[in-house]
PDB file of all heavy atoms in Angstrom:
ATOM      1  N   GLY A   1     -27.171 -11.638  22.780  1.00  0.00           N
ATOM      2  CA  GLY A   1     -26.028 -10.968  23.348  1.00  0.00           C
ATOM      3  C   GLY A   1     -24.723 -11.443  22.756  1.00  0.00           C
ATOM      4  O   GLY A   1     -24.653 -12.431  22.004  1.00  0.00           O
ATOM      5  N   LEU A   2     -23.650 -10.744  23.123  1.00  0.00           N
ATOM      6  CA  LEU A   2     -22.320 -11.082  22.599  1.00  0.00           C
ATOM      7  C   LEU A   2     -21.859 -12.457  23.057  1.00  0.00           C
ATOM      8  O   LEU A   2     -20.948 -13.059  22.455  1.00  0.00           O
ATOM      9  CB  LEU A   2     -21.322 -10.021  23.041  1.00  0.00           C
ATOM     10  CG  LEU A   2     -21.494  -8.643  22.377  1.00  0.00           C
ATOM     11  CD1 LEU A   2     -20.740  -7.571  23.150  1.00  0.00           C
ATOM     12  CD2 LEU A   2     -21.042  -8.677  20.916  1.00  0.00           C
ATOM     13  N   ASP A   3     -22.448 -12.996  24.123  1.00  0.00           N
ATOM     14  CA  ASP A   3     -22.057 -14.314  24.616  1.00  0.00           C
ATOM     15  C   ASP A   3     -22.281 -15.425  23.587  1.00  0.00           C
ATOM     16  O   ASP A   3     -21.656 -16.487  23.665  1.00  0.00           O
ATOM     17  CB  ASP A   3     -22.813 -14.664  25.892  1.00  0.00           C
ATOM     18  CG  ASP A   3     -22.227 -13.967  27.125  1.00  0.00           C
ATOM     19  OD1 ASP A   3     -21.158 -13.339  26.978  1.00  0.00           O
ATOM     20  OD2 ASP A   3     -22.845 -14.055  28.195  1.00  0.00           O
ATOM     21  N   CYS A   4     -23.161 -15.199  22.642  1.00  0.00           N
ATOM     22  CA  CYS A   4     -23.397 -16.237  21.637  1.00  0.00           C
ATOM     23  C   CYS A   4     -22.194 -16.483  20.752  1.00  0.00           C
ATOM     24  O   CYS A   4     -22.106 -17.516  20.068  1.00  0.00           O
ATOM     25  CB  CYS A   4     -24.636 -15.895  20.779  1.00  0.00           C
ATOM     26  SG  CYS A   4     -24.378 -14.561  19.565  1.00  0.00           S
ATOM     27  N   LEU A   5     -21.244 -15.560  20.754  1.00  0.00           N
ATOM     28  CA  LEU A   5     -20.085 -15.670  19.881  1.00  0.00           C
ATOM     29  C   LEU A   5     -18.984 -16.512  20.488  1.00  0.00           C
ATOM     30  O   LEU A   5     -18.059 -16.908  19.755  1.00  0.00           O
ATOM     31  CB  LEU A   5     -19.499 -14.274  19.586  1.00  0.00           C
ATOM     32  CG  LEU A   5     -20.450 -13.260  18.930  1.00  0.00           C
ATOM     33  CD1 LEU A   5     -19.719 -11.927  18.747  1.00  0.00           C
ATOM     34  CD2 LEU A   5     -20.960 -13.770  17.588  1.00  0.00           C
ATOM     35  N   THR A   6     -19.039 -16.783  21.788  1.00  0.00           N
ATOM     36  CA  THR A   6     -17.931 -17.476  22.441  1.00  0.00           C
ATOM     37  C   THR A   6     -18.428 -18.693  23.223  1.00  0.00           C
ATOM     38  O   THR A   6     -19.598 -18.787  23.564  1.00  0.00           O
ATOM     39  CB  THR A   6     -17.193 -16.523  23.416  1.00  0.00           C
ATOM     40  OG1 THR A   6     -18.130 -15.991  24.349  1.00  0.00           O
ATOM     41  CG2 THR A   6     -16.564 -15.372  22.651  1.00  0.00           C
ATOM     42  N   GLU A   7     -17.495 -19.583  23.515  1.00  0.00           N
ATOM     43  CA  GLU A   7     -17.856 -20.831  24.198  1.00  0.00           C
ATOM     44  C   GLU A   7     -18.015 -20.616  25.695  1.00  0.00           C
ATOM     45  O   GLU A   7     -18.673 -21.407  26.375  1.00  0.00           O
ATOM     46  CB  GLU A   7     -16.766 -21.900  23.952  1.00  0.00           C
ATOM     47  CG  GLU A   7     -16.692 -22.314  22.477  1.00  0.00           C
ATOM     48  CD  GLU A   7     -15.609 -23.375  22.263  1.00  0.00           C
ATOM     49  OE1 GLU A   7     -15.117 -23.903  23.278  1.00  0.00           O
ATOM     50  OE2 GLU A   7     -15.257 -23.650  21.112  1.00  0.00           O
ATOM     51  N   TRP A   8     -17.409 -19.582  26.247  1.00  0.00           N
ATOM     52  CA  TRP A   8     -17.499 -19.304  27.690  1.00  0.00           C
ATOM     53  C   TRP A   8     -17.661 -17.811  27.878  1.00  0.00           C
ATOM     54  O   TRP A   8     -17.375 -17.017  26.976  1.00  0.00           O
ATOM     55  CB  TRP A   8     -16.276 -19.848  28.412  1.00  0.00           C
ATOM     56  CG  TRP A   8     -14.998 -19.464  27.807  1.00  0.00           C
ATOM     57  CD1 TRP A   8     -14.379 -18.244  27.858  1.00  0.00           C
ATOM     58  CD2 TRP A   8     -14.172 -20.290  26.973  1.00  0.00           C
ATOM     59  NE1 TRP A   8     -13.218 -18.253  27.141  1.00  0.00           N
ATOM     60  CE2 TRP A   8     -13.060 -19.501  26.578  1.00  0.00           C
ATOM     61  CE3 TRP A   8     -14.249 -21.600  26.534  1.00  0.00           C
ATOM     62  CZ2 TRP A   8     -12.046 -20.011  25.789  1.00  0.00           C
ATOM     63  CZ3 TRP A   8     -13.245 -22.096  25.716  1.00  0.00           C
ATOM     64  CH2 TRP A   8     -12.159 -21.308  25.344  1.00  0.00           C
ATOM     65  N   PRO A   9     -18.094 -17.379  29.058  1.00  0.00           N
ATOM     66  CA  PRO A   9     -18.330 -15.946  29.277  1.00  0.00           C
ATOM     67  C   PRO A   9     -17.046 -15.148  29.161  1.00  0.00           C
ATOM     68  O   PRO A   9     -16.043 -15.475  29.769  1.00  0.00           O
ATOM     69  CB  PRO A   9     -18.876 -15.887  30.714  1.00  0.00           C
ATOM     70  CG  PRO A   9     -19.360 -17.265  30.997  1.00  0.00           C
ATOM     71  CD  PRO A   9     -18.499 -18.187  30.234  1.00  0.00           C
ATOM     72  N   MET A  10     -17.074 -14.084  28.349  1.00  0.00           N
ATOM     73  CA  MET A  10     -15.960 -13.202  28.175  1.00  0.00           C
ATOM     74  C   MET A  10     -16.380 -11.778  28.549  1.00  0.00           C
ATOM     75  O   MET A  10     -17.493 -11.353  28.268  1.00  0.00           O
ATOM     76  CB  MET A  10     -15.494 -13.208  26.718  1.00  0.00           C
ATOM     77  CG  MET A  10     -15.082 -14.561  26.178  1.00  0.00           C
ATOM     78  SD  MET A  10     -13.553 -15.171  26.914  1.00  0.00           S
ATOM     79  CE  MET A  10     -12.373 -14.060  26.147  1.00  0.00           C
ATOM     80  N   GLY A  11     -15.493 -11.039  29.195  1.00  0.00           N
ATOM     81  CA  GLY A  11     -15.822  -9.700  29.628  1.00  0.00           C
ATOM     82  C   GLY A  11     -15.201  -8.618  28.795  1.00  0.00           C
ATOM     83  O   GLY A  11     -15.324  -7.429  29.148  1.00  0.00           O
ATOM     84  N   ASP A  12     -14.555  -8.955  27.694  1.00  0.00           N
ATOM     85  CA  ASP A  12     -13.821  -7.953  26.923  1.00  0.00           C
ATOM     86  C   ASP A  12     -14.348  -7.775  25.492  1.00  0.00           C
ATOM     87  O   ASP A  12     -13.620  -7.308  24.620  1.00  0.00           O
ATOM     88  CB  ASP A  12     -12.337  -8.303  26.892  1.00  0.00           C
ATOM     89  CG  ASP A  12     -12.029  -9.674  26.318  1.00  0.00           C
ATOM     90  OD1 ASP A  12     -13.007 -10.383  25.947  1.00  0.00           O
ATOM     91  OD2 ASP A  12     -10.850 -10.042  26.212  1.00  0.00           O
ATOM     92  N   LEU A  13     -15.605  -8.135  25.275  1.00  0.00           N
ATOM     93  CA  LEU A  13     -16.211  -7.934  23.950  1.00  0.00           C
ATOM     94  C   LEU A  13     -17.096  -6.691  23.975  1.00  0.00           C
ATOM     95  O   LEU A  13     -17.755  -6.390  24.955  1.00  0.00           O
ATOM     96  CB  LEU A  13     -17.061  -9.148  23.576  1.00  0.00           C
ATOM     97  CG  LEU A  13     -16.355 -10.512  23.575  1.00  0.00           C
ATOM     98  CD1 LEU A  13     -17.325 -11.594  23.114  1.00  0.00           C
ATOM     99  CD2 LEU A  13     -15.100 -10.511  22.698  1.00  0.00           C
ATOM    100  N   VAL A  14     -17.080  -5.983  22.856  1.00  0.00           N
ATOM    101  CA  VAL A  14     -17.842  -4.756  22.714  1.00  0.00           C
ATOM    102  C   VAL A  14     -18.641  -4.817  21.427  1.00  0.00           C
ATOM    103  O   VAL A  14     -18.139  -5.269  20.391  1.00  0.00           O
ATOM    104  CB  VAL A  14     -16.937  -3.506  22.723  1.00  0.00           C
ATOM    105  CG1 VAL A  14     -17.750  -2.223  22.625  1.00  0.00           C
ATOM    106  CG2 VAL A  14     -16.068  -3.484  23.986  1.00  0.00           C
ATOM    107  N   ASN A  15     -19.877  -4.353  21.475  1.00  0.00           N
ATOM    108  CA  ASN A  15     -20.744  -4.453  20.301  1.00  0.00           C
ATOM    109  C   ASN A  15     -20.203  -3.622  19.147  1.00  0.00           C
ATOM    110  O   ASN A  15     -19.521  -2.638  19.308  1.00  0.00           O
ATOM    111  CB  ASN A  15     -22.156  -3.983  20.656  1.00  0.00           C
ATOM    112  CG  ASN A  15     -23.220  -4.671  19.814  1.00  0.00           C
ATOM    113  OD1 ASN A  15     -22.971  -5.725  19.261  1.00  0.00           O
ATOM    114  ND2 ASN A  15     -24.365  -4.066  19.695  1.00  0.00           N
ATOM    115  N   PHE A  16     -20.527  -4.072  17.948  1.00  0.00           N
ATOM    116  CA  PHE A  16     -20.071  -3.480  16.709  1.00  0.00           C
ATOM    117  C   PHE A  16     -21.197  -3.454  15.711  1.00  0.00           C
ATOM    118  O   PHE A  16     -22.276  -4.050  15.948  1.00  0.00           O
ATOM    119  CB  PHE A  16     -18.906  -4.294  16.147  1.00  0.00           C
ATOM    120  CG  PHE A  16     -19.249  -5.760  15.972  1.00  0.00           C
ATOM    121  CD1 PHE A  16     -19.809  -6.227  14.802  1.00  0.00           C
ATOM    122  CD2 PHE A  16     -19.033  -6.656  17.002  1.00  0.00           C
ATOM    123  CE1 PHE A  16     -20.163  -7.561  14.653  1.00  0.00           C
ATOM    124  CE2 PHE A  16     -19.386  -8.003  16.874  1.00  0.00           C
ATOM    125  CZ  PHE A  16     -19.953  -8.458  15.683  1.00  0.00           C
ATOM    126  N   ARG A  17     -21.025  -2.809  14.587  1.00  0.00           N
ATOM    127  CA  ARG A  17     -22.018  -2.814  13.545  1.00  0.00           C
ATOM    128  C   ARG A  17     -21.704  -3.897  12.500  1.00  0.00           C
ATOM    129  O   ARG A  17     -20.531  -4.268  12.300  1.00  0.00           O
ATOM    130  CB  ARG A  17     -22.068  -1.458  12.843  1.00  0.00           C
ATOM    131  CG  ARG A  17     -22.363  -0.285  13.759  1.00  0.00           C
ATOM    132  CD  ARG A  17     -22.535   1.003  12.949  1.00  0.00           C
ATOM    133  NE  ARG A  17     -21.352   1.342  12.174  1.00  0.00           N
ATOM    134  CZ  ARG A  17     -21.318   2.344  11.284  1.00  0.00           C
ATOM    135  NH1 ARG A  17     -22.393   3.053  11.032  1.00  0.00           N
ATOM    136  NH2 ARG A  17     -20.186   2.591  10.614  1.00  0.00           N
ATOM    137  N   GLY A  18     -22.724  -4.370  11.829  1.00  0.00           N
ATOM    138  CA  GLY A  18     -22.485  -5.306  10.743  1.00  0.00           C
ATOM    139  C   GLY A  18     -21.609  -4.734   9.654  1.00  0.00           C
ATOM    140  O   GLY A  18     -20.884  -5.457   8.953  1.00  0.00           O
ATOM    141  N   LEU A  19     -21.632  -3.420   9.506  1.00  0.00           N
ATOM    142  CA  LEU A  19     -20.788  -2.770   8.496  1.00  0.00           C
ATOM    143  C   LEU A  19     -19.297  -3.001   8.768  1.00  0.00           C
ATOM    144  O   LEU A  19     -18.522  -3.208   7.838  1.00  0.00           O
ATOM    145  CB  LEU A  19     -21.113  -1.278   8.479  1.00  0.00           C
ATOM    146  CG  LEU A  19     -22.516  -0.925   7.993  1.00  0.00           C
ATOM    147  CD1 LEU A  19     -22.964   0.420   8.541  1.00  0.00           C
ATOM    148  CD2 LEU A  19     -22.563  -0.932   6.480  1.00  0.00           C
ATOM    149  N   GLU A  20     -18.912  -2.940  10.051  1.00  0.00           N
ATOM    150  CA  GLU A  20     -17.502  -3.180  10.376  1.00  0.00           C
ATOM    151  C   GLU A  20     -17.149  -4.672  10.310  1.00  0.00           C
ATOM    152  O   GLU A  20     -16.013  -5.024   9.977  1.00  0.00           O
ATOM    153  CB  GLU A  20     -17.166  -2.619  11.749  1.00  0.00           C
ATOM    154  CG  GLU A  20     -16.869  -1.144  11.767  1.00  0.00           C
ATOM    155  CD  GLU A  20     -18.087  -0.246  11.554  1.00  0.00           C
ATOM    156  OE1 GLU A  20     -19.123  -0.526  12.170  1.00  0.00           O
ATOM    157  OE2 GLU A  20     -17.995   0.717  10.774  1.00  0.00           O
ATOM    158  N   LEU A  21     -18.103  -5.547  10.603  1.00  0.00           N
ATOM    159  CA  LEU A  21     -17.862  -6.986  10.428  1.00  0.00           C
ATOM    160  C   LEU A  21     -17.606  -7.264   8.959  1.00  0.00           C
ATOM    161  O   LEU A  21     -16.679  -8.015   8.625  1.00  0.00           O
ATOM    162  CB  LEU A  21     -19.073  -7.772  10.954  1.00  0.00           C
ATOM    163  CG  LEU A  21     -19.046  -9.290  10.706  1.00  0.00           C
ATOM    164  CD1 LEU A  21     -17.819  -9.925  11.267  1.00  0.00           C
ATOM    165  CD2 LEU A  21     -20.326  -9.940  11.247  1.00  0.00           C
ATOM    166  N   ALA A  22     -18.430  -6.724   8.090  1.00  0.00           N
ATOM    167  CA  ALA A  22     -18.218  -6.910   6.650  1.00  0.00           C
ATOM    168  C   ALA A  22     -16.867  -6.361   6.223  1.00  0.00           C
ATOM    169  O   ALA A  22     -16.144  -6.994   5.430  1.00  0.00           O
ATOM    170  CB  ALA A  22     -19.344  -6.204   5.859  1.00  0.00           C
ATOM    171  N   ALA A  23     -16.500  -5.182   6.740  1.00  0.00           N
ATOM    172  CA  ALA A  23     -15.214  -4.592   6.387  1.00  0.00           C
ATOM    173  C   ALA A  23     -14.050  -5.472   6.764  1.00  0.00           C
ATOM    174  O   ALA A  23     -13.086  -5.614   6.011  1.00  0.00           O
ATOM    175  CB  ALA A  23     -15.088  -3.203   7.030  1.00  0.00           C
ATOM    176  N   ALA A  24     -14.136  -6.098   7.939  1.00  0.00           N
ATOM    177  CA  ALA A  24     -13.059  -6.993   8.381  1.00  0.00           C
ATOM    178  C   ALA A  24     -12.979  -8.226   7.483  1.00  0.00           C
ATOM    179  O   ALA A  24     -11.871  -8.623   7.064  1.00  0.00           O
ATOM    180  CB  ALA A  24     -13.284  -7.379   9.824  1.00  0.00           C
ATOM    181  N   ILE A  25     -14.110  -8.847   7.195  1.00  0.00           N
ATOM    182  CA  ILE A  25     -14.104 -10.020   6.320  1.00  0.00           C
ATOM    183  C   ILE A  25     -13.521  -9.654   4.943  1.00  0.00           C
ATOM    184  O   ILE A  25     -12.722 -10.400   4.374  1.00  0.00           O
ATOM    185  CB  ILE A  25     -15.522 -10.606   6.194  1.00  0.00           C
ATOM    186  CG1 ILE A  25     -15.961 -11.198   7.539  1.00  0.00           C
ATOM    187  CG2 ILE A  25     -15.584 -11.673   5.099  1.00  0.00           C
ATOM    188  CD1 ILE A  25     -17.419 -11.638   7.576  1.00  0.00           C
ATOM    189  N   ASN A  26     -13.927  -8.520   4.431  1.00  0.00           N
ATOM    190  CA  ASN A  26     -13.486  -8.132   3.099  1.00  0.00           C
ATOM    191  C   ASN A  26     -11.986  -7.854   3.031  1.00  0.00           C
ATOM    192  O   ASN A  26     -11.399  -7.877   1.943  1.00  0.00           O
ATOM    193  CB  ASN A  26     -14.237  -6.863   2.639  1.00  0.00           C
ATOM    194  CG  ASN A  26     -15.658  -7.177   2.171  1.00  0.00           C
ATOM    195  OD1 ASN A  26     -15.867  -8.181   1.505  1.00  0.00           O
ATOM    196  ND2 ASN A  26     -16.600  -6.343   2.554  1.00  0.00           N
TER     197      ASN A  26
END
């Protein structure tokens, strides 16, 4: 789940595709 990305529970994260993650890094 998205909780693996943060140190504590967050309620404002929304799933995304790896394609958009790559686009942001690039």
